[in-house]
Amino acid sequence: MYKLSYTDRFKKAFNNLTNIEQLQFQNKMKLFIENVLHPSLRTKKIQGQKDLYESSINMSIRIIWYFENEELIILVDIAHHDILKRY
């Protein structure tokens, strides 16, 4: 089971989500901390990035994250699918 930490960027972006999107995030994080490769998360490495990954919260919302170590994941950003253009 992983522990999560959030960047300031992530916190700000999270606050811009709707209440429903925030609830969807919270529900998916239950799966995420148990198994980042759970099929419903559609986790994959971001092309052209050494250590960044993306996972799906729903069909539109993505989180960007990386492994800090074997126990800790840093959540970098969250937004609609076009978030990938930033990375």
C-alpha atoms as a PDB file:
ATOM      1  CA  MET A   1       0.000   0.000   0.000  1.00  0.00           C
ATOM      2  CA  TYR A   2       1.350   3.404  -1.011  1.00  0.00           C
ATOM      3  CA  LYS A   3       1.240   6.706   0.795  1.00  0.00           C
ATOM      4  CA  LEU A   4       0.358   9.806  -1.211  1.00  0.00           C
ATOM      5  CA  SER A   5       1.718  13.324  -1.177  1.00  0.00           C
ATOM      6  CA  TYR A   6       0.327  16.225  -3.180  1.00  0.00           C
ATOM      7  CA  THR A   7       2.142  19.100  -4.857  1.00  0.00           C
ATOM      8  CA  ASP A   8       0.772  22.631  -4.556  1.00  0.00           C
ATOM      9  CA  ARG A   9      -0.037  22.467  -8.263  1.00  0.00           C
ATOM     10  CA  PHE A  10      -2.127  19.347  -7.673  1.00  0.00           C
ATOM     11  CA  LYS A  11      -3.982  20.908  -4.735  1.00  0.00           C
ATOM     12  CA  LYS A  12      -4.853  24.010  -6.741  1.00  0.00           C
ATOM     13  CA  ALA A  13      -6.034  21.974  -9.745  1.00  0.00           C
ATOM     14  CA  PHE A  14      -8.045  19.632  -7.497  1.00  0.00           C
ATOM     15  CA  ASN A  15      -9.922  22.596  -6.031  1.00  0.00           C
ATOM     16  CA  ASN A  16     -10.962  23.582  -9.576  1.00  0.00           C
ATOM     17  CA  LEU A  17     -12.697  20.237 -10.164  1.00  0.00           C
ATOM     18  CA  THR A  18     -16.429  19.824  -9.662  1.00  0.00           C
ATOM     19  CA  ASN A  19     -17.692  18.123  -6.511  1.00  0.00           C
ATOM     20  CA  ILE A  20     -18.567  15.034  -8.556  1.00  0.00           C
ATOM     21  CA  GLU A  21     -15.061  14.893 -10.061  1.00  0.00           C
ATOM     22  CA  GLN A  22     -13.520  15.269  -6.605  1.00  0.00           C
ATOM     23  CA  LEU A  23     -15.653  12.385  -5.344  1.00  0.00           C
ATOM     24  CA  GLN A  24     -14.640  10.244  -8.332  1.00  0.00           C
ATOM     25  CA  PHE A  25     -10.996  11.012  -7.509  1.00  0.00           C
ATOM     26  CA  GLN A  26     -11.448   9.939  -3.891  1.00  0.00           C
ATOM     27  CA  ASN A  27     -13.080   6.677  -4.948  1.00  0.00           C
ATOM     28  CA  LYS A  28     -10.333   5.855  -7.468  1.00  0.00           C
ATOM     29  CA  MET A  29      -7.606   6.586  -4.920  1.00  0.00           C
ATOM     30  CA  LYS A  30      -8.820   3.608  -2.888  1.00  0.00           C
ATOM     31  CA  LEU A  31      -7.834   1.397  -5.834  1.00  0.00           C
ATOM     32  CA  PHE A  32      -4.740   3.434  -6.627  1.00  0.00           C
ATOM     33  CA  ILE A  33      -3.045   3.077  -3.242  1.00  0.00           C
ATOM     34  CA  GLU A  34      -3.590  -0.683  -3.359  1.00  0.00           C
ATOM     35  CA  ASN A  35      -2.544  -1.235  -6.978  1.00  0.00           C
ATOM     36  CA  VAL A  36      -1.441   1.594  -9.289  1.00  0.00           C
ATOM     37  CA  LEU A  37      -1.801  -0.845 -12.197  1.00  0.00           C
ATOM     38  CA  HIS A  38      -5.459  -1.672 -11.543  1.00  0.00           C
ATOM     39  CA  PRO A  39      -7.075  -1.980 -15.003  1.00  0.00           C
ATOM     40  CA  SER A  40      -9.710   0.696 -14.356  1.00  0.00           C
ATOM     41  CA  LEU A  41      -6.945   3.275 -13.754  1.00  0.00           C
ATOM     42  CA  ARG A  42      -5.417   2.717 -17.217  1.00  0.00           C
ATOM     43  CA  THR A  43      -2.000   3.664 -15.818  1.00  0.00           C
ATOM     44  CA  LYS A  44       0.829   4.243 -18.252  1.00  0.00           C
ATOM     45  CA  LYS A  45       4.148   6.004 -18.448  1.00  0.00           C
ATOM     46  CA  ILE A  46       4.067   9.412 -20.135  1.00  0.00           C
ATOM     47  CA  GLN A  47       6.004   9.279 -23.398  1.00  0.00           C
ATOM     48  CA  GLY A  48       9.157  11.377 -23.360  1.00  0.00           C
ATOM     49  CA  GLN A  49       9.207  11.597 -19.554  1.00  0.00           C
ATOM     50  CA  LYS A  50      11.627   9.586 -17.486  1.00  0.00           C
ATOM     51  CA  ASP A  51       9.623   9.103 -14.308  1.00  0.00           C
ATOM     52  CA  LEU A  52       6.112  10.520 -14.852  1.00  0.00           C
ATOM     53  CA  TYR A  53       2.979   8.401 -15.119  1.00  0.00           C
ATOM     54  CA  GLU A  54      -0.654   9.114 -15.871  1.00  0.00           C
ATOM     55  CA  SER A  55      -3.726   7.382 -14.512  1.00  0.00           C
ATOM     56  CA  SER A  56      -7.397   7.881 -15.323  1.00  0.00           C
ATOM     57  CA  ILE A  57      -9.950   8.981 -12.778  1.00  0.00           C
ATOM     58  CA  ASN A  58     -12.759   8.873 -15.333  1.00  0.00           C
ATOM     59  CA  MET A  59     -12.868   9.098 -19.120  1.00  0.00           C
ATOM     60  CA  SER A  60     -11.870  12.758 -18.943  1.00  0.00           C
ATOM     61  CA  ILE A  61      -9.831  13.365 -15.766  1.00  0.00           C
ATOM     62  CA  ARG A  62      -6.176  12.300 -15.518  1.00  0.00           C
ATOM     63  CA  ILE A  63      -3.661  12.470 -12.693  1.00  0.00           C
ATOM     64  CA  ILE A  64       0.064  12.896 -13.250  1.00  0.00           C
ATOM     65  CA  TRP A  65       2.333  11.303 -10.679  1.00  0.00           C
ATOM     66  CA  TYR A  66       5.672   9.669  -9.904  1.00  0.00           C
ATOM     67  CA  PHE A  67       7.208   7.268  -7.422  1.00  0.00           C
ATOM     68  CA  GLU A  68       9.239   9.132  -4.792  1.00  0.00           C
ATOM     69  CA  ASN A  69      10.357   5.818  -3.306  1.00  0.00           C
ATOM     70  CA  GLU A  70       8.972   2.325  -2.670  1.00  0.00           C
ATOM     71  CA  GLU A  71       6.303   3.638  -0.276  1.00  0.00           C
ATOM     72  CA  LEU A  72       5.467   7.158  -1.464  1.00  0.00           C
ATOM     73  CA  ILE A  73       3.791   8.486  -4.605  1.00  0.00           C
ATOM     74  CA  ILE A  74       3.776  12.189  -5.418  1.00  0.00           C
ATOM     75  CA  LEU A  75       0.651  13.423  -7.186  1.00  0.00           C
ATOM     76  CA  VAL A  76       1.838  16.254  -9.442  1.00  0.00           C
ATOM     77  CA  ASP A  77      -1.279  17.411 -11.286  1.00  0.00           C
ATOM     78  CA  ILE A  78      -4.905  16.607 -12.054  1.00  0.00           C
ATOM     79  CA  ALA A  79      -7.066  17.895 -14.888  1.00  0.00           C
ATOM     80  CA  HIS A  80      -8.973  16.957 -18.021  1.00  0.00           C
ATOM     81  CA  HIS A  81      -7.252  14.837 -20.656  1.00  0.00           C
ATOM     82  CA  ASP A  82      -5.518  17.837 -22.272  1.00  0.00           C
ATOM     83  CA  ILE A  83      -3.301  17.951 -19.166  1.00  0.00           C
ATOM     84  CA  LEU A  84      -0.943  15.673 -21.082  1.00  0.00           C
ATOM     85  CA  LYS A  85       0.022  18.571 -23.352  1.00  0.00           C
ATOM     86  CA  ARG A  86       1.818  20.116 -20.351  1.00  0.00           C
ATOM     87  CA  TYR A  87       4.085  17.104 -19.997  1.00  0.00           C
END
